[in-house]
Each structure stands twice: as C-alpha cells, then as structure tokens.
Amino acid sequence: MDLDRARIIVAGATGALGSGIARDLHARGAHVALAGRDAARLATLGAELDAPTARFDLFSPAGVPTALAAATAALGGLDALVVATGVAAFGPEPELADEVLRDLFVINATGPIRLIREALAHLDDGGTIVALTAVVAEHPTAGMAAYSASKSALSSYLTALRRERRRSGLTVLDVRPSHLDTGFETRRLAGEPPDLPPAGDHLVVAREIVDAMRDGRRELAYDLRERALVAR
C-alpha cells in the first residue's frame, strides 16, 4: 500500500510497539489516528504526532464501534487498521484461574476480532488489516498454554478472513514476533514468566511491520531457525 497520506488507525497505540508503529507511519507520511485505553498516554502521543485520538476498552464492546467511527471520521476515511493489543499469562494450565482465561481471550482474541469487524465496515476499496499475534500462535509453548491458544485463535481468524476476502482486494497481515523489549512479561495477568529468549528491539520490529504493510505482505513470522522475522 502507498503509505503517503494513507489513513490508518492504530489500536493499542499507547503500548510500546503500537506507539512505535504509529511514529513510523507518521514519519512516512501517513495520516494516523490513535486508539487506546489510557487517556493520558493517548493525549501525549496525539500531541506529539498531531493526530486525532479515540479511547476504547476491549472489555466494553459497545464502545468499540463509537471509537472506530470517531477515528475514521477524524481521518476522513479509512485505508488500514493496525491492532497492537495483547497481554500474557504464565504458569501451568491447571493453575490458571477462569477469570484470567476469560481476560486473555477478550484482550488477545475476541476484542481484536471485534475491532477488525468494525473496521471492515469503514475501509475503502481494498484496504489493509494488520494484527499482532505472536510466535506462540504458530509454536505453542509450555507454561503459556492459554496465552498460546488466545493468539492462535486470532491468527486463525486472520487466515480465514484473508481467504474469505481474497477477491475484494483486502490485505490481511498477521504479525507473529518473538519476545520483544516491550516489558509485556511485567504486565502479565498471572504467573511467573518462564525463561524467555533474548528480547528483540521493538522499534526494529515496528519498522519491519510498516515495511510489510507497504509491500502488501500477508505474514511477518518469526523463523526459529533464522531467529528473525520473515515476510511472506
């Protein structure tokens, strides 16, 4: 896609990776709208990028259509949605509380799917959907069974959506990075993190994601042998 003057909503823009993506898109000439839950961080980033903002909470589904509609109106249309939301939980599966399992799937799967479904109603011809899953969507990991499952659910949805819309011109990009230096393990819902691989630079990954959007890629997946993100 042509990023110059493209109208793009970044949902989860107040997180480390989301804000990195938003800044990179802005630097390449895109018109960005920022969406997230933290009103103070949204205001700060919005002022920095001179970008409209919209607050939403994945636990309040009724607010998602309003936030997407407001952001789209502020941009004057919509060419792409980037979903950069997510949270982790660790530990043996039998020890995971039911409410943690529920929250994992709301934040990592059903919430992002709701965002995407609403965005599809606003996207102009073609359009691009980008969502952050994780390497565990493709390589489920012990000690992160429910987290892996929630990311796999979103990844499966993206694959099916791509197949359903293959004749519409819609580009669906599934991004599956490995562990990044975003501090996500410190904001976990439960448990203690296992030994994680060395953290990658989230700003480098943000740039790779924007490159993949520009190039119309379908997947940006972490290759365990090459130990790098590979575009497909």
C-alpha atoms as a PDB file:
ATOM      1  CA  MET A   1       0.000   0.000   0.000  1.00  0.00           C
ATOM      2  CA  ASP A   2       1.029   3.583  -0.545  1.00  0.00           C
ATOM      3  CA  LEU A   3       1.712   4.920   2.956  1.00  0.00           C
ATOM      4  CA  ASP A   4       1.919   8.564   1.940  1.00  0.00           C
ATOM      5  CA  ARG A   5      -1.304  10.205   3.143  1.00  0.00           C
ATOM      6  CA  ALA A   6      -2.813   6.789   3.915  1.00  0.00           C
ATOM      7  CA  ARG A   7      -5.479   6.994   6.623  1.00  0.00           C
ATOM      8  CA  ILE A   8      -4.581   4.492   9.330  1.00  0.00           C
ATOM      9  CA  ILE A   9      -5.979   3.734  12.791  1.00  0.00           C
ATOM     10  CA  VAL A  10      -3.512   2.237  15.267  1.00  0.00           C
ATOM     11  CA  ALA A  11      -5.414   0.471  18.049  1.00  0.00           C
ATOM     12  CA  GLY A  12      -3.251  -0.114  21.096  1.00  0.00           C
ATOM     13  CA  ALA A  13      -1.215   2.948  20.169  1.00  0.00           C
ATOM     14  CA  THR A  14      -0.220   3.686  23.761  1.00  0.00           C
ATOM     15  CA  GLY A  15       1.786   0.471  24.095  1.00  0.00           C
ATOM     16  CA  ALA A  16       5.482   0.313  23.261  1.00  0.00           C
ATOM     17  CA  LEU A  17       5.047  -1.488  19.945  1.00  0.00           C
ATOM     18  CA  GLY A  18       1.850   0.333  18.990  1.00  0.00           C
ATOM     19  CA  SER A  19       3.396   3.744  19.580  1.00  0.00           C
ATOM     20  CA  GLY A  20       6.478   2.693  17.610  1.00  0.00           C
ATOM     21  CA  ILE A  21       4.295   1.690  14.670  1.00  0.00           C
ATOM     22  CA  ALA A  22       2.334   4.943  14.889  1.00  0.00           C
ATOM     23  CA  ARG A  23       5.504   7.046  14.904  1.00  0.00           C
ATOM     24  CA  ASP A  24       6.972   5.141  11.952  1.00  0.00           C
ATOM     25  CA  LEU A  25       3.770   5.504   9.935  1.00  0.00           C
ATOM     26  CA  HIS A  26       3.640   9.215  10.732  1.00  0.00           C
ATOM     27  CA  ALA A  27       7.265   9.642   9.663  1.00  0.00           C
ATOM     28  CA  ARG A  28       6.424   8.074   6.296  1.00  0.00           C
ATOM     29  CA  GLY A  29       3.615  10.498   5.617  1.00  0.00           C
ATOM     30  CA  ALA A  30       0.591   8.512   6.776  1.00  0.00           C
ATOM     31  CA  HIS A  31      -2.333  10.234   8.490  1.00  0.00           C
ATOM     32  CA  VAL A  32      -2.647   8.331  11.757  1.00  0.00           C
ATOM     33  CA  ALA A  33      -5.454   8.161  14.309  1.00  0.00           C
ATOM     34  CA  LEU A  34      -4.540   6.761  17.712  1.00  0.00           C
ATOM     35  CA  ALA A  35      -6.839   4.483  19.698  1.00  0.00           C
ATOM     36  CA  GLY A  36      -6.253   3.020  23.138  1.00  0.00           C
ATOM     37  CA  ARG A  37      -7.423   2.712  26.708  1.00  0.00           C
ATOM     38  CA  ASP A  38      -5.038   5.080  28.535  1.00  0.00           C
ATOM     39  CA  ALA A  39      -6.432   8.582  28.015  1.00  0.00           C
ATOM     40  CA  ALA A  40      -3.336  10.388  29.328  1.00  0.00           C
ATOM     41  CA  ARG A  41      -0.921   8.485  27.095  1.00  0.00           C
ATOM     42  CA  LEU A  42      -3.240   8.945  24.135  1.00  0.00           C
ATOM     43  CA  ALA A  43      -3.273  12.700  24.688  1.00  0.00           C
ATOM     44  CA  THR A  44       0.522  12.867  24.950  1.00  0.00           C
ATOM     45  CA  LEU A  45       1.145  10.823  21.796  1.00  0.00           C
ATOM     46  CA  GLY A  46      -1.628  12.619  19.959  1.00  0.00           C
ATOM     47  CA  ALA A  47       0.009  15.963  20.713  1.00  0.00           C
ATOM     48  CA  GLU A  48       3.396  14.641  19.593  1.00  0.00           C
ATOM     49  CA  LEU A  49       2.094  13.383  16.251  1.00  0.00           C
ATOM     50  CA  ASP A  50      -0.656  15.980  15.838  1.00  0.00           C
ATOM     51  CA  ALA A  51      -3.017  13.023  15.478  1.00  0.00           C
ATOM     52  CA  PRO A  52      -6.668  12.516  16.459  1.00  0.00           C
ATOM     53  CA  THR A  53      -7.331  10.104  19.308  1.00  0.00           C
ATOM     54  CA  ALA A  54     -10.160   7.802  20.344  1.00  0.00           C
ATOM     55  CA  ARG A  55     -10.429   5.936  23.636  1.00  0.00           C
ATOM     56  CA  PHE A  56     -11.774   2.382  23.765  1.00  0.00           C
ATOM     57  CA  ASP A  57     -11.776  -0.534  26.186  1.00  0.00           C
ATOM     58  CA  LEU A  58     -11.877  -4.101  24.890  1.00  0.00           C
ATOM     59  CA  PHE A  59     -13.899  -5.070  27.969  1.00  0.00           C
ATOM     60  CA  SER A  60     -16.654  -2.672  26.851  1.00  0.00           C
ATOM     61  CA  PRO A  61     -17.611  -3.923  23.379  1.00  0.00           C
ATOM     62  CA  ALA A  62     -20.331  -1.303  22.979  1.00  0.00           C
ATOM     63  CA  GLY A  63     -17.675   1.415  22.879  1.00  0.00           C
ATOM     64  CA  VAL A  64     -15.678  -0.125  20.022  1.00  0.00           C
ATOM     65  CA  PRO A  65     -17.985   0.983  17.167  1.00  0.00           C
ATOM     66  CA  THR A  66     -18.083   4.526  18.537  1.00  0.00           C
ATOM     67  CA  ALA A  67     -14.286   4.719  18.806  1.00  0.00           C
ATOM     68  CA  LEU A  68     -13.726   3.327  15.301  1.00  0.00           C
ATOM     69  CA  ALA A  69     -16.344   5.611  13.784  1.00  0.00           C
ATOM     70  CA  ALA A  70     -14.894   8.687  15.507  1.00  0.00           C
ATOM     71  CA  ALA A  71     -11.347   7.884  14.407  1.00  0.00           C
ATOM     72  CA  THR A  72     -12.467   7.205  10.838  1.00  0.00           C
ATOM     73  CA  ALA A  73     -14.410  10.472  10.723  1.00  0.00           C
ATOM     74  CA  ALA A  74     -11.390  12.395  12.008  1.00  0.00           C
ATOM     75  CA  LEU A  75      -9.256  10.885   9.230  1.00  0.00           C
ATOM     76  CA  GLY A  76     -11.870  11.456   6.552  1.00  0.00           C
ATOM     77  CA  GLY A  77     -11.976   7.755   5.693  1.00  0.00           C
ATOM     78  CA  LEU A  78     -10.008   4.614   6.420  1.00  0.00           C
ATOM     79  CA  ASP A  79      -7.336   2.748   4.474  1.00  0.00           C
ATOM     80  CA  ALA A  80      -5.889   0.492   7.195  1.00  0.00           C
ATOM     81  CA  LEU A  81      -6.308  -0.707  10.762  1.00  0.00           C
ATOM     82  CA  VAL A  82      -3.404  -1.869  12.923  1.00  0.00           C
ATOM     83  CA  VAL A  83      -4.316  -3.848  16.050  1.00  0.00           C
ATOM     84  CA  ALA A  84      -1.448  -3.875  18.547  1.00  0.00           C
ATOM     85  CA  THR A  85      -3.170  -5.042  21.711  1.00  0.00           C
ATOM     86  CA  GLY A  86      -2.247  -8.003  23.873  1.00  0.00           C
ATOM     87  CA  VAL A  87      -1.465  -9.373  27.309  1.00  0.00           C
ATOM     88  CA  ALA A  88       0.157 -12.536  28.656  1.00  0.00           C
ATOM     89  CA  ALA A  89      -0.337 -15.003  31.490  1.00  0.00           C
ATOM     90  CA  PHE A  90       2.116 -17.672  32.581  1.00  0.00           C
ATOM     91  CA  GLY A  91       2.205 -20.910  34.535  1.00  0.00           C
ATOM     92  CA  PRO A  92       0.889 -24.481  34.322  1.00  0.00           C
ATOM     93  CA  GLU A  93      -2.508 -24.578  32.641  1.00  0.00           C
ATOM     94  CA  PRO A  94      -4.421 -26.208  35.564  1.00  0.00           C
ATOM     95  CA  GLU A  95      -3.373 -23.317  37.821  1.00  0.00           C
ATOM     96  CA  LEU A  96      -4.855 -20.615  35.602  1.00  0.00           C
ATOM     97  CA  ALA A  97      -7.989 -19.060  37.096  1.00  0.00           C
ATOM     98  CA  ASP A  98     -11.129 -18.959  34.966  1.00  0.00           C
ATOM     99  CA  GLU A  99     -11.242 -15.164  35.032  1.00  0.00           C
ATOM    100  CA  VAL A 100      -7.663 -14.970  33.742  1.00  0.00           C
ATOM    101  CA  LEU A 101      -8.530 -17.319  30.880  1.00  0.00           C
ATOM    102  CA  ARG A 102     -11.526 -15.145  30.047  1.00  0.00           C
ATOM    103  CA  ASP A 103      -9.479 -11.944  30.109  1.00  0.00           C
ATOM    104  CA  LEU A 104      -6.752 -13.454  27.920  1.00  0.00           C
ATOM    105  CA  PHE A 105      -9.244 -14.264  25.195  1.00  0.00           C
ATOM    106  CA  VAL A 106     -11.018 -10.907  25.421  1.00  0.00           C
ATOM    107  CA  ILE A 107      -7.782  -8.922  25.088  1.00  0.00           C
ATOM    108  CA  ASN A 108      -5.956 -11.210  22.662  1.00  0.00           C
ATOM    109  CA  ALA A 109      -8.720 -12.684  20.511  1.00  0.00           C
ATOM    110  CA  THR A 110     -12.362 -11.612  20.759  1.00  0.00           C
ATOM    111  CA  GLY A 111     -11.542  -7.940  21.374  1.00  0.00           C
ATOM    112  CA  PRO A 112      -9.212  -7.606  18.370  1.00  0.00           C
ATOM    113  CA  ILE A 113     -11.712  -9.516  16.228  1.00  0.00           C
ATOM    114  CA  ARG A 114     -14.400  -7.024  17.235  1.00  0.00           C
ATOM    115  CA  LEU A 115     -12.116  -4.138  16.250  1.00  0.00           C
ATOM    116  CA  ILE A 116     -11.418  -5.718  12.879  1.00  0.00           C
ATOM    117  CA  ARG A 117     -15.080  -6.436  12.167  1.00  0.00           C
ATOM    118  CA  GLU A 118     -15.994  -2.830  12.870  1.00  0.00           C
ATOM    119  CA  ALA A 119     -13.120  -1.525  10.742  1.00  0.00           C
ATOM    120  CA  LEU A 120     -14.203  -3.628   7.767  1.00  0.00           C
ATOM    121  CA  ALA A 121     -17.392  -1.557   7.576  1.00  0.00           C
ATOM    122  CA  HIS A 122     -15.319   1.632   7.183  1.00  0.00           C
ATOM    123  CA  LEU A 123     -12.473   0.508   4.938  1.00  0.00           C
ATOM    124  CA  ASP A 124     -12.435   1.890   1.441  1.00  0.00           C
ATOM    125  CA  ASP A 125     -11.947  -0.449  -1.535  1.00  0.00           C
ATOM    126  CA  GLY A 126      -9.149  -2.855  -0.808  1.00  0.00           C
ATOM    127  CA  GLY A 127      -7.737  -1.730   2.489  1.00  0.00           C
ATOM    128  CA  THR A 128      -5.362  -3.357   4.927  1.00  0.00           C
ATOM    129  CA  ILE A 129      -5.832  -5.109   8.272  1.00  0.00           C
ATOM    130  CA  VAL A 130      -2.776  -5.705  10.463  1.00  0.00           C
ATOM    131  CA  ALA A 131      -2.907  -7.600  13.751  1.00  0.00           C
ATOM    132  CA  LEU A 132      -0.215  -8.610  16.216  1.00  0.00           C
ATOM    133  CA  THR A 133      -0.418 -12.228  17.241  1.00  0.00           C
ATOM    134  CA  ALA A 134       2.854 -13.859  18.410  1.00  0.00           C
ATOM    135  CA  VAL A 135       5.291 -16.646  17.660  1.00  0.00           C
ATOM    136  CA  VAL A 136       3.302 -18.819  20.099  1.00  0.00           C
ATOM    137  CA  ALA A 137       0.371 -18.752  17.669  1.00  0.00           C
ATOM    138  CA  GLU A 138       2.469 -20.965  15.405  1.00  0.00           C
ATOM    139  CA  HIS A 139       4.621 -22.600  18.092  1.00  0.00           C
ATOM    140  CA  PRO A 140       2.541 -23.112  21.284  1.00  0.00           C
ATOM    141  CA  THR A 141       4.745 -23.006  24.357  1.00  0.00           C
ATOM    142  CA  ALA A 142       4.641 -24.904  27.654  1.00  0.00           C
ATOM    143  CA  GLY A 143       3.873 -22.626  30.560  1.00  0.00           C
ATOM    144  CA  MET A 144       1.896 -20.381  28.207  1.00  0.00           C
ATOM    145  CA  ALA A 145      -0.859 -22.729  27.018  1.00  0.00           C
ATOM    146  CA  ALA A 146      -3.791 -20.338  27.342  1.00  0.00           C
ATOM    147  CA  TYR A 147      -1.780 -17.391  26.014  1.00  0.00           C
ATOM    148  CA  SER A 148      -0.706 -19.502  23.035  1.00  0.00           C
ATOM    149  CA  ALA A 149      -4.305 -20.549  22.421  1.00  0.00           C
ATOM    150  CA  SER A 150      -5.605 -16.975  22.509  1.00  0.00           C
ATOM    151  CA  LYS A 151      -3.013 -15.836  19.982  1.00  0.00           C
ATOM    152  CA  SER A 152      -3.677 -18.893  17.803  1.00  0.00           C
ATOM    153  CA  ALA A 153      -7.379 -18.025  17.795  1.00  0.00           C
ATOM    154  CA  LEU A 154      -6.698 -14.559  16.413  1.00  0.00           C
ATOM    155  CA  SER A 155      -4.198 -15.908  13.886  1.00  0.00           C
ATOM    156  CA  SER A 156      -6.744 -18.465  12.638  1.00  0.00           C
ATOM    157  CA  TYR A 157      -9.341 -15.717  12.274  1.00  0.00           C
ATOM    158  CA  LEU A 158      -6.934 -13.644  10.184  1.00  0.00           C
ATOM    159  CA  THR A 159      -6.207 -16.587   7.895  1.00  0.00           C
ATOM    160  CA  ALA A 160      -9.891 -17.310   7.355  1.00  0.00           C
ATOM    161  CA  LEU A 161     -10.688 -13.622   6.810  1.00  0.00           C
ATOM    162  CA  ARG A 162      -7.944 -13.389   4.185  1.00  0.00           C
ATOM    163  CA  ARG A 163      -9.440 -16.373   2.342  1.00  0.00           C
ATOM    164  CA  GLU A 164     -12.989 -15.024   2.542  1.00  0.00           C
ATOM    165  CA  ARG A 165     -11.962 -11.622   1.173  1.00  0.00           C
ATOM    166  CA  ARG A 166      -9.372 -12.788  -1.347  1.00  0.00           C
ATOM    167  CA  ARG A 167     -11.319 -11.282  -4.258  1.00  0.00           C
ATOM    168  CA  SER A 168     -12.079  -7.988  -2.538  1.00  0.00           C
ATOM    169  CA  GLY A 169      -8.551  -6.598  -2.577  1.00  0.00           C
ATOM    170  CA  LEU A 170      -8.311  -6.660   1.226  1.00  0.00           C
ATOM    171  CA  THR A 171      -4.788  -7.289   2.548  1.00  0.00           C
ATOM    172  CA  VAL A 172      -4.602  -9.113   5.885  1.00  0.00           C
ATOM    173  CA  LEU A 173      -1.225  -9.092   7.641  1.00  0.00           C
ATOM    174  CA  ASP A 174      -0.606 -11.443  10.573  1.00  0.00           C
ATOM    175  CA  VAL A 175       2.477 -10.390  12.586  1.00  0.00           C
ATOM    176  CA  ARG A 176       3.972 -13.111  14.802  1.00  0.00           C
ATOM    177  CA  PRO A 177       7.062 -11.736  16.547  1.00  0.00           C
ATOM    178  CA  SER A 178       9.105 -13.425  19.247  1.00  0.00           C
ATOM    179  CA  HIS A 179       9.817 -11.887  22.656  1.00  0.00           C
ATOM    180  CA  LEU A 180      10.350  -8.119  22.428  1.00  0.00           C
ATOM    181  CA  ASP A 181      11.686  -5.495  24.815  1.00  0.00           C
ATOM    182  CA  THR A 182       8.227  -4.063  25.493  1.00  0.00           C
ATOM    183  CA  GLY A 183       8.084  -5.296  29.100  1.00  0.00           C
ATOM    184  CA  PHE A 184       4.944  -7.335  28.383  1.00  0.00           C
ATOM    185  CA  GLU A 185       6.074 -10.025  30.819  1.00  0.00           C
ATOM    186  CA  THR A 186       5.997  -7.477  33.669  1.00  0.00           C
ATOM    187  CA  ARG A 187       2.335  -6.661  32.950  1.00  0.00           C
ATOM    188  CA  ARG A 188       1.177 -10.268  32.941  1.00  0.00           C
ATOM    189  CA  LEU A 189      -2.238 -11.231  34.247  1.00  0.00           C
ATOM    190  CA  ALA A 190      -0.900 -14.152  36.272  1.00  0.00           C
ATOM    191  CA  GLY A 191       2.059 -16.425  36.957  1.00  0.00           C
ATOM    192  CA  GLU A 192       5.790 -16.103  36.613  1.00  0.00           C
ATOM    193  CA  PRO A 193       7.345 -15.955  33.147  1.00  0.00           C
ATOM    194  CA  PRO A 194       9.469 -18.914  32.051  1.00  0.00           C
ATOM    195  CA  ASP A 195      12.937 -18.462  30.648  1.00  0.00           C
ATOM    196  CA  LEU A 196      12.333 -16.242  27.647  1.00  0.00           C
ATOM    197  CA  PRO A 197      14.647 -15.753  24.677  1.00  0.00           C
ATOM    198  CA  PRO A 198      16.631 -12.524  24.439  1.00  0.00           C
ATOM    199  CA  ALA A 199      14.276  -9.641  23.783  1.00  0.00           C
ATOM    200  CA  GLY A 200      14.239  -8.165  20.309  1.00  0.00           C
ATOM    201  CA  ASP A 201      14.185  -4.436  19.631  1.00  0.00           C
ATOM    202  CA  HIS A 202      10.546  -3.390  19.316  1.00  0.00           C
ATOM    203  CA  LEU A 203      11.448  -0.329  17.252  1.00  0.00           C
ATOM    204  CA  VAL A 204      13.154  -2.528  14.666  1.00  0.00           C
ATOM    205  CA  VAL A 205      10.054  -4.735  14.574  1.00  0.00           C
ATOM    206  CA  ALA A 206       7.807  -1.669  14.248  1.00  0.00           C
ATOM    207  CA  ARG A 207       9.772  -0.658  11.177  1.00  0.00           C
ATOM    208  CA  GLU A 208       9.545  -4.178   9.739  1.00  0.00           C
ATOM    209  CA  ILE A 209       5.776  -4.156  10.254  1.00  0.00           C
ATOM    210  CA  VAL A 210       5.392  -0.866   8.402  1.00  0.00           C
ATOM    211  CA  ASP A 211       7.652  -2.188   5.619  1.00  0.00           C
ATOM    212  CA  ALA A 212       5.403  -5.259   5.363  1.00  0.00           C
ATOM    213  CA  MET A 213       2.326  -3.028   5.127  1.00  0.00           C
ATOM    214  CA  ARG A 214       3.965  -1.044   2.336  1.00  0.00           C
ATOM    215  CA  ASP A 215       4.860  -4.242   0.477  1.00  0.00           C
ATOM    216  CA  GLY A 216       1.421  -5.851   0.817  1.00  0.00           C
ATOM    217  CA  ARG A 217       2.660  -8.848   2.800  1.00  0.00           C
ATOM    218  CA  ARG A 218       0.335 -11.431   4.357  1.00  0.00           C
ATOM    219  CA  GLU A 219       2.580 -12.701   7.158  1.00  0.00           C
ATOM    220  CA  LEU A 220       5.529 -11.479   9.170  1.00  0.00           C
ATOM    221  CA  ALA A 221       6.516 -14.543  11.142  1.00  0.00           C
ATOM    222  CA  TYR A 222       9.389 -15.339  13.478  1.00  0.00           C
ATOM    223  CA  ASP A 223      11.556 -18.087  11.985  1.00  0.00           C
ATOM    224  CA  LEU A 224      13.015 -20.234  14.764  1.00  0.00           C
ATOM    225  CA  ARG A 225      15.985 -21.317  12.623  1.00  0.00           C
ATOM    226  CA  GLU A 226      16.881 -17.892  11.314  1.00  0.00           C
ATOM    227  CA  ARG A 227      15.923 -16.196  14.593  1.00  0.00           C
ATOM    228  CA  ALA A 228      14.404 -13.342  12.673  1.00  0.00           C
ATOM    229  CA  LEU A 229      11.097 -12.107  11.340  1.00  0.00           C
ATOM    230  CA  VAL A 230      10.472 -13.342   7.808  1.00  0.00           C
ATOM    231  CA  ALA A 231       7.980 -11.693   5.454  1.00  0.00           C
ATOM    232  CA  ARG A 232       5.701 -13.889   3.379  1.00  0.00           C
END
